Amino acid sequence: HREVLAQYDVMTVGEMPGANVEEA
């Protein structure tokens, strides 16, 4: 995020098998 995404107005969605609500 610091190195790349913060410089743009973009969306990100992470595919995360095994992620539960607390991790999300």
PDBML (XML) file of the C-alpha atoms, coordinates in Angstrom:
<?xml version="1.0" encoding="UTF-8" ?>
<PDBx:datablock datablockName="MODEL"
   xmlns:PDBx="http://pdbml.pdb.org/schema/pdbx-v50.xsd"
   xmlns:xsi="http://www.w3.org/2001/XMLSchema-instance"
   xsi:schemaLocation="http://pdbml.pdb.org/schema/pdbx-v50.xsd pdbx-v50.xsd">
   <PDBx:atom_siteCategory>
      <PDBx:atom_site id="1">
         <PDBx:B_iso_or_equiv>0.00</PDBx:B_iso_or_equiv>
         <PDBx:Cartn_x>0.000</PDBx:Cartn_x>
         <PDBx:Cartn_y>0.000</PDBx:Cartn_y>
         <PDBx:Cartn_z>0.000</PDBx:Cartn_z>
         <PDBx:auth_asym_id>A</PDBx:auth_asym_id>
         <PDBx:auth_atom_id>CA</PDBx:auth_atom_id>
         <PDBx:auth_comp_id>HIS</PDBx:auth_comp_id>
         <PDBx:auth_seq_id>1</PDBx:auth_seq_id>
         <PDBx:group_PDB>ATOM</PDBx:group_PDB>
         <PDBx:label_alt_id xsi:nil="true" />
         <PDBx:label_asym_id>A</PDBx:label_asym_id>
         <PDBx:label_atom_id>CA</PDBx:label_atom_id>
         <PDBx:label_comp_id>HIS</PDBx:label_comp_id>
         <PDBx:label_entity_id>1</PDBx:label_entity_id>
         <PDBx:label_seq_id>1</PDBx:label_seq_id>
         <PDBx:occupancy>1.00</PDBx:occupancy>
         <PDBx:pdbx_PDB_model_num>1</PDBx:pdbx_PDB_model_num>
         <PDBx:type_symbol>C</PDBx:type_symbol>
      </PDBx:atom_site>
      <PDBx:atom_site id="2">
         <PDBx:B_iso_or_equiv>0.00</PDBx:B_iso_or_equiv>
         <PDBx:Cartn_x>2.772</PDBx:Cartn_x>
         <PDBx:Cartn_y>2.438</PDBx:Cartn_y>
         <PDBx:Cartn_z>0.988</PDBx:Cartn_z>
         <PDBx:auth_asym_id>A</PDBx:auth_asym_id>
         <PDBx:auth_atom_id>CA</PDBx:auth_atom_id>
         <PDBx:auth_comp_id>ARG</PDBx:auth_comp_id>
         <PDBx:auth_seq_id>2</PDBx:auth_seq_id>
         <PDBx:group_PDB>ATOM</PDBx:group_PDB>
         <PDBx:label_alt_id xsi:nil="true" />
         <PDBx:label_asym_id>A</PDBx:label_asym_id>
         <PDBx:label_atom_id>CA</PDBx:label_atom_id>
         <PDBx:label_comp_id>ARG</PDBx:label_comp_id>
         <PDBx:label_entity_id>1</PDBx:label_entity_id>
         <PDBx:label_seq_id>2</PDBx:label_seq_id>
         <PDBx:occupancy>1.00</PDBx:occupancy>
         <PDBx:pdbx_PDB_model_num>1</PDBx:pdbx_PDB_model_num>
         <PDBx:type_symbol>C</PDBx:type_symbol>
      </PDBx:atom_site>
      <PDBx:atom_site id="3">
         <PDBx:B_iso_or_equiv>0.00</PDBx:B_iso_or_equiv>
         <PDBx:Cartn_x>4.958</PDBx:Cartn_x>
         <PDBx:Cartn_y>1.705</PDBx:Cartn_y>
         <PDBx:Cartn_z>-2.010</PDBx:Cartn_z>
         <PDBx:auth_asym_id>A</PDBx:auth_asym_id>
         <PDBx:auth_atom_id>CA</PDBx:auth_atom_id>
         <PDBx:auth_comp_id>GLU</PDBx:auth_comp_id>
         <PDBx:auth_seq_id>3</PDBx:auth_seq_id>
         <PDBx:group_PDB>ATOM</PDBx:group_PDB>
         <PDBx:label_alt_id xsi:nil="true" />
         <PDBx:label_asym_id>A</PDBx:label_asym_id>
         <PDBx:label_atom_id>CA</PDBx:label_atom_id>
         <PDBx:label_comp_id>GLU</PDBx:label_comp_id>
         <PDBx:label_entity_id>1</PDBx:label_entity_id>
         <PDBx:label_seq_id>3</PDBx:label_seq_id>
         <PDBx:occupancy>1.00</PDBx:occupancy>
         <PDBx:pdbx_PDB_model_num>1</PDBx:pdbx_PDB_model_num>
         <PDBx:type_symbol>C</PDBx:type_symbol>
      </PDBx:atom_site>
      <PDBx:atom_site id="4">
         <PDBx:B_iso_or_equiv>0.00</PDBx:B_iso_or_equiv>
         <PDBx:Cartn_x>2.230</PDBx:Cartn_x>
         <PDBx:Cartn_y>1.540</PDBx:Cartn_y>
         <PDBx:Cartn_z>-4.668</PDBx:Cartn_z>
         <PDBx:auth_asym_id>A</PDBx:auth_asym_id>
         <PDBx:auth_atom_id>CA</PDBx:auth_atom_id>
         <PDBx:auth_comp_id>VAL</PDBx:auth_comp_id>
         <PDBx:auth_seq_id>4</PDBx:auth_seq_id>
         <PDBx:group_PDB>ATOM</PDBx:group_PDB>
         <PDBx:label_alt_id xsi:nil="true" />
         <PDBx:label_asym_id>A</PDBx:label_asym_id>
         <PDBx:label_atom_id>CA</PDBx:label_atom_id>
         <PDBx:label_comp_id>VAL</PDBx:label_comp_id>
         <PDBx:label_entity_id>1</PDBx:label_entity_id>
         <PDBx:label_seq_id>4</PDBx:label_seq_id>
         <PDBx:occupancy>1.00</PDBx:occupancy>
         <PDBx:pdbx_PDB_model_num>1</PDBx:pdbx_PDB_model_num>
         <PDBx:type_symbol>C</PDBx:type_symbol>
      </PDBx:atom_site>
      <PDBx:atom_site id="5">
         <PDBx:B_iso_or_equiv>0.00</PDBx:B_iso_or_equiv>
         <PDBx:Cartn_x>-1.479</PDBx:Cartn_x>
         <PDBx:Cartn_y>1.763</PDBx:Cartn_y>
         <PDBx:Cartn_z>-3.952</PDBx:Cartn_z>
         <PDBx:auth_asym_id>A</PDBx:auth_asym_id>
         <PDBx:auth_atom_id>CA</PDBx:auth_atom_id>
         <PDBx:auth_comp_id>LEU</PDBx:auth_comp_id>
         <PDBx:auth_seq_id>5</PDBx:auth_seq_id>
         <PDBx:group_PDB>ATOM</PDBx:group_PDB>
         <PDBx:label_alt_id xsi:nil="true" />
         <PDBx:label_asym_id>A</PDBx:label_asym_id>
         <PDBx:label_atom_id>CA</PDBx:label_atom_id>
         <PDBx:label_comp_id>LEU</PDBx:label_comp_id>
         <PDBx:label_entity_id>1</PDBx:label_entity_id>
         <PDBx:label_seq_id>5</PDBx:label_seq_id>
         <PDBx:occupancy>1.00</PDBx:occupancy>
         <PDBx:pdbx_PDB_model_num>1</PDBx:pdbx_PDB_model_num>
         <PDBx:type_symbol>C</PDBx:type_symbol>
      </PDBx:atom_site>
      <PDBx:atom_site id="6">
         <PDBx:B_iso_or_equiv>0.00</PDBx:B_iso_or_equiv>
         <PDBx:Cartn_x>-1.485</PDBx:Cartn_x>
         <PDBx:Cartn_y>4.930</PDBx:Cartn_y>
         <PDBx:Cartn_z>-1.838</PDBx:Cartn_z>
         <PDBx:auth_asym_id>A</PDBx:auth_asym_id>
         <PDBx:auth_atom_id>CA</PDBx:auth_atom_id>
         <PDBx:auth_comp_id>ALA</PDBx:auth_comp_id>
         <PDBx:auth_seq_id>6</PDBx:auth_seq_id>
         <PDBx:group_PDB>ATOM</PDBx:group_PDB>
         <PDBx:label_alt_id xsi:nil="true" />
         <PDBx:label_asym_id>A</PDBx:label_asym_id>
         <PDBx:label_atom_id>CA</PDBx:label_atom_id>
         <PDBx:label_comp_id>ALA</PDBx:label_comp_id>
         <PDBx:label_entity_id>1</PDBx:label_entity_id>
         <PDBx:label_seq_id>6</PDBx:label_seq_id>
         <PDBx:occupancy>1.00</PDBx:occupancy>
         <PDBx:pdbx_PDB_model_num>1</PDBx:pdbx_PDB_model_num>
         <PDBx:type_symbol>C</PDBx:type_symbol>
      </PDBx:atom_site>
      <PDBx:atom_site id="7">
         <PDBx:B_iso_or_equiv>0.00</PDBx:B_iso_or_equiv>
         <PDBx:Cartn_x>-0.483</PDBx:Cartn_x>
         <PDBx:Cartn_y>6.918</PDBx:Cartn_y>
         <PDBx:Cartn_z>-4.929</PDBx:Cartn_z>
         <PDBx:auth_asym_id>A</PDBx:auth_asym_id>
         <PDBx:auth_atom_id>CA</PDBx:auth_atom_id>
         <PDBx:auth_comp_id>GLN</PDBx:auth_comp_id>
         <PDBx:auth_seq_id>7</PDBx:auth_seq_id>
         <PDBx:group_PDB>ATOM</PDBx:group_PDB>
         <PDBx:label_alt_id xsi:nil="true" />
         <PDBx:label_asym_id>A</PDBx:label_asym_id>
         <PDBx:label_atom_id>CA</PDBx:label_atom_id>
         <PDBx:label_comp_id>GLN</PDBx:label_comp_id>
         <PDBx:label_entity_id>1</PDBx:label_entity_id>
         <PDBx:label_seq_id>7</PDBx:label_seq_id>
         <PDBx:occupancy>1.00</PDBx:occupancy>
         <PDBx:pdbx_PDB_model_num>1</PDBx:pdbx_PDB_model_num>
         <PDBx:type_symbol>C</PDBx:type_symbol>
      </PDBx:atom_site>
      <PDBx:atom_site id="8">
         <PDBx:B_iso_or_equiv>0.00</PDBx:B_iso_or_equiv>
         <PDBx:Cartn_x>-3.614</PDBx:Cartn_x>
         <PDBx:Cartn_y>5.977</PDBx:Cartn_y>
         <PDBx:Cartn_z>-6.919</PDBx:Cartn_z>
         <PDBx:auth_asym_id>A</PDBx:auth_asym_id>
         <PDBx:auth_atom_id>CA</PDBx:auth_atom_id>
         <PDBx:auth_comp_id>TYR</PDBx:auth_comp_id>
         <PDBx:auth_seq_id>8</PDBx:auth_seq_id>
         <PDBx:group_PDB>ATOM</PDBx:group_PDB>
         <PDBx:label_alt_id xsi:nil="true" />
         <PDBx:label_asym_id>A</PDBx:label_asym_id>
         <PDBx:label_atom_id>CA</PDBx:label_atom_id>
         <PDBx:label_comp_id>TYR</PDBx:label_comp_id>
         <PDBx:label_entity_id>1</PDBx:label_entity_id>
         <PDBx:label_seq_id>8</PDBx:label_seq_id>
         <PDBx:occupancy>1.00</PDBx:occupancy>
         <PDBx:pdbx_PDB_model_num>1</PDBx:pdbx_PDB_model_num>
         <PDBx:type_symbol>C</PDBx:type_symbol>
      </PDBx:atom_site>
      <PDBx:atom_site id="9">
         <PDBx:B_iso_or_equiv>0.00</PDBx:B_iso_or_equiv>
         <PDBx:Cartn_x>-7.413</PDBx:Cartn_x>
         <PDBx:Cartn_y>6.067</PDBx:Cartn_y>
         <PDBx:Cartn_z>-6.507</PDBx:Cartn_z>
         <PDBx:auth_asym_id>A</PDBx:auth_asym_id>
         <PDBx:auth_atom_id>CA</PDBx:auth_atom_id>
         <PDBx:auth_comp_id>ASP</PDBx:auth_comp_id>
         <PDBx:auth_seq_id>9</PDBx:auth_seq_id>
         <PDBx:group_PDB>ATOM</PDBx:group_PDB>
         <PDBx:label_alt_id xsi:nil="true" />
         <PDBx:label_asym_id>A</PDBx:label_asym_id>
         <PDBx:label_atom_id>CA</PDBx:label_atom_id>
         <PDBx:label_comp_id>ASP</PDBx:label_comp_id>
         <PDBx:label_entity_id>1</PDBx:label_entity_id>
         <PDBx:label_seq_id>9</PDBx:label_seq_id>
         <PDBx:occupancy>1.00</PDBx:occupancy>
         <PDBx:pdbx_PDB_model_num>1</PDBx:pdbx_PDB_model_num>
         <PDBx:type_symbol>C</PDBx:type_symbol>
      </PDBx:atom_site>
      <PDBx:atom_site id="10">
         <PDBx:B_iso_or_equiv>0.00</PDBx:B_iso_or_equiv>
         <PDBx:Cartn_x>-7.969</PDBx:Cartn_x>
         <PDBx:Cartn_y>2.364</PDBx:Cartn_y>
         <PDBx:Cartn_z>-7.039</PDBx:Cartn_z>
         <PDBx:auth_asym_id>A</PDBx:auth_asym_id>
         <PDBx:auth_atom_id>CA</PDBx:auth_atom_id>
         <PDBx:auth_comp_id>VAL</PDBx:auth_comp_id>
         <PDBx:auth_seq_id>10</PDBx:auth_seq_id>
         <PDBx:group_PDB>ATOM</PDBx:group_PDB>
         <PDBx:label_alt_id xsi:nil="true" />
         <PDBx:label_asym_id>A</PDBx:label_asym_id>
         <PDBx:label_atom_id>CA</PDBx:label_atom_id>
         <PDBx:label_comp_id>VAL</PDBx:label_comp_id>
         <PDBx:label_entity_id>1</PDBx:label_entity_id>
         <PDBx:label_seq_id>10</PDBx:label_seq_id>
         <PDBx:occupancy>1.00</PDBx:occupancy>
         <PDBx:pdbx_PDB_model_num>1</PDBx:pdbx_PDB_model_num>
         <PDBx:type_symbol>C</PDBx:type_symbol>
      </PDBx:atom_site>
      <PDBx:atom_site id="11">
         <PDBx:B_iso_or_equiv>0.00</PDBx:B_iso_or_equiv>
         <PDBx:Cartn_x>-9.786</PDBx:Cartn_x>
         <PDBx:Cartn_y>-0.608</PDBx:Cartn_y>
         <PDBx:Cartn_z>-5.517</PDBx:Cartn_z>
         <PDBx:auth_asym_id>A</PDBx:auth_asym_id>
         <PDBx:auth_atom_id>CA</PDBx:auth_atom_id>
         <PDBx:auth_comp_id>MET</PDBx:auth_comp_id>
         <PDBx:auth_seq_id>11</PDBx:auth_seq_id>
         <PDBx:group_PDB>ATOM</PDBx:group_PDB>
         <PDBx:label_alt_id xsi:nil="true" />
         <PDBx:label_asym_id>A</PDBx:label_asym_id>
         <PDBx:label_atom_id>CA</PDBx:label_atom_id>
         <PDBx:label_comp_id>MET</PDBx:label_comp_id>
         <PDBx:label_entity_id>1</PDBx:label_entity_id>
         <PDBx:label_seq_id>11</PDBx:label_seq_id>
         <PDBx:occupancy>1.00</PDBx:occupancy>
         <PDBx:pdbx_PDB_model_num>1</PDBx:pdbx_PDB_model_num>
         <PDBx:type_symbol>C</PDBx:type_symbol>
      </PDBx:atom_site>
      <PDBx:atom_site id="12">
         <PDBx:B_iso_or_equiv>0.00</PDBx:B_iso_or_equiv>
         <PDBx:Cartn_x>-8.286</PDBx:Cartn_x>
         <PDBx:Cartn_y>-3.844</PDBx:Cartn_y>
         <PDBx:Cartn_z>-4.292</PDBx:Cartn_z>
         <PDBx:auth_asym_id>A</PDBx:auth_asym_id>
         <PDBx:auth_atom_id>CA</PDBx:auth_atom_id>
         <PDBx:auth_comp_id>THR</PDBx:auth_comp_id>
         <PDBx:auth_seq_id>12</PDBx:auth_seq_id>
         <PDBx:group_PDB>ATOM</PDBx:group_PDB>
         <PDBx:label_alt_id xsi:nil="true" />
         <PDBx:label_asym_id>A</PDBx:label_asym_id>
         <PDBx:label_atom_id>CA</PDBx:label_atom_id>
         <PDBx:label_comp_id>THR</PDBx:label_comp_id>
         <PDBx:label_entity_id>1</PDBx:label_entity_id>
         <PDBx:label_seq_id>12</PDBx:label_seq_id>
         <PDBx:occupancy>1.00</PDBx:occupancy>
         <PDBx:pdbx_PDB_model_num>1</PDBx:pdbx_PDB_model_num>
         <PDBx:type_symbol>C</PDBx:type_symbol>
      </PDBx:atom_site>
      <PDBx:atom_site id="13">
         <PDBx:B_iso_or_equiv>0.00</PDBx:B_iso_or_equiv>
         <PDBx:Cartn_x>-9.902</PDBx:Cartn_x>
         <PDBx:Cartn_y>-7.166</PDBx:Cartn_y>
         <PDBx:Cartn_z>-3.496</PDBx:Cartn_z>
         <PDBx:auth_asym_id>A</PDBx:auth_asym_id>
         <PDBx:auth_atom_id>CA</PDBx:auth_atom_id>
         <PDBx:auth_comp_id>VAL</PDBx:auth_comp_id>
         <PDBx:auth_seq_id>13</PDBx:auth_seq_id>
         <PDBx:group_PDB>ATOM</PDBx:group_PDB>
         <PDBx:label_alt_id xsi:nil="true" />
         <PDBx:label_asym_id>A</PDBx:label_asym_id>
         <PDBx:label_atom_id>CA</PDBx:label_atom_id>
         <PDBx:label_comp_id>VAL</PDBx:label_comp_id>
         <PDBx:label_entity_id>1</PDBx:label_entity_id>
         <PDBx:label_seq_id>13</PDBx:label_seq_id>
         <PDBx:occupancy>1.00</PDBx:occupancy>
         <PDBx:pdbx_PDB_model_num>1</PDBx:pdbx_PDB_model_num>
         <PDBx:type_symbol>C</PDBx:type_symbol>
      </PDBx:atom_site>
      <PDBx:atom_site id="14">
         <PDBx:B_iso_or_equiv>0.00</PDBx:B_iso_or_equiv>
         <PDBx:Cartn_x>-7.775</PDBx:Cartn_x>
         <PDBx:Cartn_y>-9.939</PDBx:Cartn_y>
         <PDBx:Cartn_z>-2.038</PDBx:Cartn_z>
         <PDBx:auth_asym_id>A</PDBx:auth_asym_id>
         <PDBx:auth_atom_id>CA</PDBx:auth_atom_id>
         <PDBx:auth_comp_id>GLY</PDBx:auth_comp_id>
         <PDBx:auth_seq_id>14</PDBx:auth_seq_id>
         <PDBx:group_PDB>ATOM</PDBx:group_PDB>
         <PDBx:label_alt_id xsi:nil="true" />
         <PDBx:label_asym_id>A</PDBx:label_asym_id>
         <PDBx:label_atom_id>CA</PDBx:label_atom_id>
         <PDBx:label_comp_id>GLY</PDBx:label_comp_id>
         <PDBx:label_entity_id>1</PDBx:label_entity_id>
         <PDBx:label_seq_id>14</PDBx:label_seq_id>
         <PDBx:occupancy>1.00</PDBx:occupancy>
         <PDBx:pdbx_PDB_model_num>1</PDBx:pdbx_PDB_model_num>
         <PDBx:type_symbol>C</PDBx:type_symbol>
      </PDBx:atom_site>
      <PDBx:atom_site id="15">
         <PDBx:B_iso_or_equiv>0.00</PDBx:B_iso_or_equiv>
         <PDBx:Cartn_x>-8.660</PDBx:Cartn_x>
         <PDBx:Cartn_y>-13.564</PDBx:Cartn_y>
         <PDBx:Cartn_z>-2.752</PDBx:Cartn_z>
         <PDBx:auth_asym_id>A</PDBx:auth_asym_id>
         <PDBx:auth_atom_id>CA</PDBx:auth_atom_id>
         <PDBx:auth_comp_id>GLU</PDBx:auth_comp_id>
         <PDBx:auth_seq_id>15</PDBx:auth_seq_id>
         <PDBx:group_PDB>ATOM</PDBx:group_PDB>
         <PDBx:label_alt_id xsi:nil="true" />
         <PDBx:label_asym_id>A</PDBx:label_asym_id>
         <PDBx:label_atom_id>CA</PDBx:label_atom_id>
         <PDBx:label_comp_id>GLU</PDBx:label_comp_id>
         <PDBx:label_entity_id>1</PDBx:label_entity_id>
         <PDBx:label_seq_id>15</PDBx:label_seq_id>
         <PDBx:occupancy>1.00</PDBx:occupancy>
         <PDBx:pdbx_PDB_model_num>1</PDBx:pdbx_PDB_model_num>
         <PDBx:type_symbol>C</PDBx:type_symbol>
      </PDBx:atom_site>
      <PDBx:atom_site id="16">
         <PDBx:B_iso_or_equiv>0.00</PDBx:B_iso_or_equiv>
         <PDBx:Cartn_x>-8.080</PDBx:Cartn_x>
         <PDBx:Cartn_y>-15.158</PDBx:Cartn_y>
         <PDBx:Cartn_z>0.653</PDBx:Cartn_z>
         <PDBx:auth_asym_id>A</PDBx:auth_asym_id>
         <PDBx:auth_atom_id>CA</PDBx:auth_atom_id>
         <PDBx:auth_comp_id>MET</PDBx:auth_comp_id>
         <PDBx:auth_seq_id>16</PDBx:auth_seq_id>
         <PDBx:group_PDB>ATOM</PDBx:group_PDB>
         <PDBx:label_alt_id xsi:nil="true" />
         <PDBx:label_asym_id>A</PDBx:label_asym_id>
         <PDBx:label_atom_id>CA</PDBx:label_atom_id>
         <PDBx:label_comp_id>MET</PDBx:label_comp_id>
         <PDBx:label_entity_id>1</PDBx:label_entity_id>
         <PDBx:label_seq_id>16</PDBx:label_seq_id>
         <PDBx:occupancy>1.00</PDBx:occupancy>
         <PDBx:pdbx_PDB_model_num>1</PDBx:pdbx_PDB_model_num>
         <PDBx:type_symbol>C</PDBx:type_symbol>
      </PDBx:atom_site>
      <PDBx:atom_site id="17">
         <PDBx:B_iso_or_equiv>0.00</PDBx:B_iso_or_equiv>
         <PDBx:Cartn_x>-8.921</PDBx:Cartn_x>
         <PDBx:Cartn_y>-18.823</PDBx:Cartn_y>
         <PDBx:Cartn_z>1.145</PDBx:Cartn_z>
         <PDBx:auth_asym_id>A</PDBx:auth_asym_id>
         <PDBx:auth_atom_id>CA</PDBx:auth_atom_id>
         <PDBx:auth_comp_id>PRO</PDBx:auth_comp_id>
         <PDBx:auth_seq_id>17</PDBx:auth_seq_id>
         <PDBx:group_PDB>ATOM</PDBx:group_PDB>
         <PDBx:label_alt_id xsi:nil="true" />
         <PDBx:label_asym_id>A</PDBx:label_asym_id>
         <PDBx:label_atom_id>CA</PDBx:label_atom_id>
         <PDBx:label_comp_id>PRO</PDBx:label_comp_id>
         <PDBx:label_entity_id>1</PDBx:label_entity_id>
         <PDBx:label_seq_id>17</PDBx:label_seq_id>
         <PDBx:occupancy>1.00</PDBx:occupancy>
         <PDBx:pdbx_PDB_model_num>1</PDBx:pdbx_PDB_model_num>
         <PDBx:type_symbol>C</PDBx:type_symbol>
      </PDBx:atom_site>
      <PDBx:atom_site id="18">
         <PDBx:B_iso_or_equiv>0.00</PDBx:B_iso_or_equiv>
         <PDBx:Cartn_x>-8.992</PDBx:Cartn_x>
         <PDBx:Cartn_y>-19.684</PDBx:Cartn_y>
         <PDBx:Cartn_z>4.836</PDBx:Cartn_z>
         <PDBx:auth_asym_id>A</PDBx:auth_asym_id>
         <PDBx:auth_atom_id>CA</PDBx:auth_atom_id>
         <PDBx:auth_comp_id>GLY</PDBx:auth_comp_id>
         <PDBx:auth_seq_id>18</PDBx:auth_seq_id>
         <PDBx:group_PDB>ATOM</PDBx:group_PDB>
         <PDBx:label_alt_id xsi:nil="true" />
         <PDBx:label_asym_id>A</PDBx:label_asym_id>
         <PDBx:label_atom_id>CA</PDBx:label_atom_id>
         <PDBx:label_comp_id>GLY</PDBx:label_comp_id>
         <PDBx:label_entity_id>1</PDBx:label_entity_id>
         <PDBx:label_seq_id>18</PDBx:label_seq_id>
         <PDBx:occupancy>1.00</PDBx:occupancy>
         <PDBx:pdbx_PDB_model_num>1</PDBx:pdbx_PDB_model_num>
         <PDBx:type_symbol>C</PDBx:type_symbol>
      </PDBx:atom_site>
      <PDBx:atom_site id="19">
         <PDBx:B_iso_or_equiv>0.00</PDBx:B_iso_or_equiv>
         <PDBx:Cartn_x>-9.546</PDBx:Cartn_x>
         <PDBx:Cartn_y>-16.090</PDBx:Cartn_y>
         <PDBx:Cartn_z>6.014</PDBx:Cartn_z>
         <PDBx:auth_asym_id>A</PDBx:auth_asym_id>
         <PDBx:auth_atom_id>CA</PDBx:auth_atom_id>
         <PDBx:auth_comp_id>ALA</PDBx:auth_comp_id>
         <PDBx:auth_seq_id>19</PDBx:auth_seq_id>
         <PDBx:group_PDB>ATOM</PDBx:group_PDB>
         <PDBx:label_alt_id xsi:nil="true" />
         <PDBx:label_asym_id>A</PDBx:label_asym_id>
         <PDBx:label_atom_id>CA</PDBx:label_atom_id>
         <PDBx:label_comp_id>ALA</PDBx:label_comp_id>
         <PDBx:label_entity_id>1</PDBx:label_entity_id>
         <PDBx:label_seq_id>19</PDBx:label_seq_id>
         <PDBx:occupancy>1.00</PDBx:occupancy>
         <PDBx:pdbx_PDB_model_num>1</PDBx:pdbx_PDB_model_num>
         <PDBx:type_symbol>C</PDBx:type_symbol>
      </PDBx:atom_site>
      <PDBx:atom_site id="20">
         <PDBx:B_iso_or_equiv>0.00</PDBx:B_iso_or_equiv>
         <PDBx:Cartn_x>-12.149</PDBx:Cartn_x>
         <PDBx:Cartn_y>-15.788</PDBx:Cartn_y>
         <PDBx:Cartn_z>8.778</PDBx:Cartn_z>
         <PDBx:auth_asym_id>A</PDBx:auth_asym_id>
         <PDBx:auth_atom_id>CA</PDBx:auth_atom_id>
         <PDBx:auth_comp_id>ASN</PDBx:auth_comp_id>
         <PDBx:auth_seq_id>20</PDBx:auth_seq_id>
         <PDBx:group_PDB>ATOM</PDBx:group_PDB>
         <PDBx:label_alt_id xsi:nil="true" />
         <PDBx:label_asym_id>A</PDBx:label_asym_id>
         <PDBx:label_atom_id>CA</PDBx:label_atom_id>
         <PDBx:label_comp_id>ASN</PDBx:label_comp_id>
         <PDBx:label_entity_id>1</PDBx:label_entity_id>
         <PDBx:label_seq_id>20</PDBx:label_seq_id>
         <PDBx:occupancy>1.00</PDBx:occupancy>
         <PDBx:pdbx_PDB_model_num>1</PDBx:pdbx_PDB_model_num>
         <PDBx:type_symbol>C</PDBx:type_symbol>
      </PDBx:atom_site>
      <PDBx:atom_site id="21">
         <PDBx:B_iso_or_equiv>0.00</PDBx:B_iso_or_equiv>
         <PDBx:Cartn_x>-14.129</PDBx:Cartn_x>
         <PDBx:Cartn_y>-12.737</PDBx:Cartn_y>
         <PDBx:Cartn_z>9.881</PDBx:Cartn_z>
         <PDBx:auth_asym_id>A</PDBx:auth_asym_id>
         <PDBx:auth_atom_id>CA</PDBx:auth_atom_id>
         <PDBx:auth_comp_id>VAL</PDBx:auth_comp_id>
         <PDBx:auth_seq_id>21</PDBx:auth_seq_id>
         <PDBx:group_PDB>ATOM</PDBx:group_PDB>
         <PDBx:label_alt_id xsi:nil="true" />
         <PDBx:label_asym_id>A</PDBx:label_asym_id>
         <PDBx:label_atom_id>CA</PDBx:label_atom_id>
         <PDBx:label_comp_id>VAL</PDBx:label_comp_id>
         <PDBx:label_entity_id>1</PDBx:label_entity_id>
         <PDBx:label_seq_id>21</PDBx:label_seq_id>
         <PDBx:occupancy>1.00</PDBx:occupancy>
         <PDBx:pdbx_PDB_model_num>1</PDBx:pdbx_PDB_model_num>
         <PDBx:type_symbol>C</PDBx:type_symbol>
      </PDBx:atom_site>
      <PDBx:atom_site id="22">
         <PDBx:B_iso_or_equiv>0.00</PDBx:B_iso_or_equiv>
         <PDBx:Cartn_x>-11.574</PDBx:Cartn_x>
         <PDBx:Cartn_y>-11.610</PDBx:Cartn_y>
         <PDBx:Cartn_z>12.469</PDBx:Cartn_z>
         <PDBx:auth_asym_id>A</PDBx:auth_asym_id>
         <PDBx:auth_atom_id>CA</PDBx:auth_atom_id>
         <PDBx:auth_comp_id>GLU</PDBx:auth_comp_id>
         <PDBx:auth_seq_id>22</PDBx:auth_seq_id>
         <PDBx:group_PDB>ATOM</PDBx:group_PDB>
         <PDBx:label_alt_id xsi:nil="true" />
         <PDBx:label_asym_id>A</PDBx:label_asym_id>
         <PDBx:label_atom_id>CA</PDBx:label_atom_id>
         <PDBx:label_comp_id>GLU</PDBx:label_comp_id>
         <PDBx:label_entity_id>1</PDBx:label_entity_id>
         <PDBx:label_seq_id>22</PDBx:label_seq_id>
         <PDBx:occupancy>1.00</PDBx:occupancy>
         <PDBx:pdbx_PDB_model_num>1</PDBx:pdbx_PDB_model_num>
         <PDBx:type_symbol>C</PDBx:type_symbol>
      </PDBx:atom_site>
      <PDBx:atom_site id="23">
         <PDBx:B_iso_or_equiv>0.00</PDBx:B_iso_or_equiv>
         <PDBx:Cartn_x>-8.744</PDBx:Cartn_x>
         <PDBx:Cartn_y>-11.797</PDBx:Cartn_y>
         <PDBx:Cartn_z>9.932</PDBx:Cartn_z>
         <PDBx:auth_asym_id>A</PDBx:auth_asym_id>
         <PDBx:auth_atom_id>CA</PDBx:auth_atom_id>
         <PDBx:auth_comp_id>GLU</PDBx:auth_comp_id>
         <PDBx:auth_seq_id>23</PDBx:auth_seq_id>
         <PDBx:group_PDB>ATOM</PDBx:group_PDB>
         <PDBx:label_alt_id xsi:nil="true" />
         <PDBx:label_asym_id>A</PDBx:label_asym_id>
         <PDBx:label_atom_id>CA</PDBx:label_atom_id>
         <PDBx:label_comp_id>GLU</PDBx:label_comp_id>
         <PDBx:label_entity_id>1</PDBx:label_entity_id>
         <PDBx:label_seq_id>23</PDBx:label_seq_id>
         <PDBx:occupancy>1.00</PDBx:occupancy>
         <PDBx:pdbx_PDB_model_num>1</PDBx:pdbx_PDB_model_num>
         <PDBx:type_symbol>C</PDBx:type_symbol>
      </PDBx:atom_site>
      <PDBx:atom_site id="24">
         <PDBx:B_iso_or_equiv>0.00</PDBx:B_iso_or_equiv>
         <PDBx:Cartn_x>-10.884</PDBx:Cartn_x>
         <PDBx:Cartn_y>-10.059</PDBx:Cartn_y>
         <PDBx:Cartn_z>7.293</PDBx:Cartn_z>
         <PDBx:auth_asym_id>A</PDBx:auth_asym_id>
         <PDBx:auth_atom_id>CA</PDBx:auth_atom_id>
         <PDBx:auth_comp_id>ALA</PDBx:auth_comp_id>
         <PDBx:auth_seq_id>24</PDBx:auth_seq_id>
         <PDBx:group_PDB>ATOM</PDBx:group_PDB>
         <PDBx:label_alt_id xsi:nil="true" />
         <PDBx:label_asym_id>A</PDBx:label_asym_id>
         <PDBx:label_atom_id>CA</PDBx:label_atom_id>
         <PDBx:label_comp_id>ALA</PDBx:label_comp_id>
         <PDBx:label_entity_id>1</PDBx:label_entity_id>
         <PDBx:label_seq_id>24</PDBx:label_seq_id>
         <PDBx:occupancy>1.00</PDBx:occupancy>
         <PDBx:pdbx_PDB_model_num>1</PDBx:pdbx_PDB_model_num>
         <PDBx:type_symbol>C</PDBx:type_symbol>
      </PDBx:atom_site>
   </PDBx:atom_siteCategory>
</PDBx:datablock>
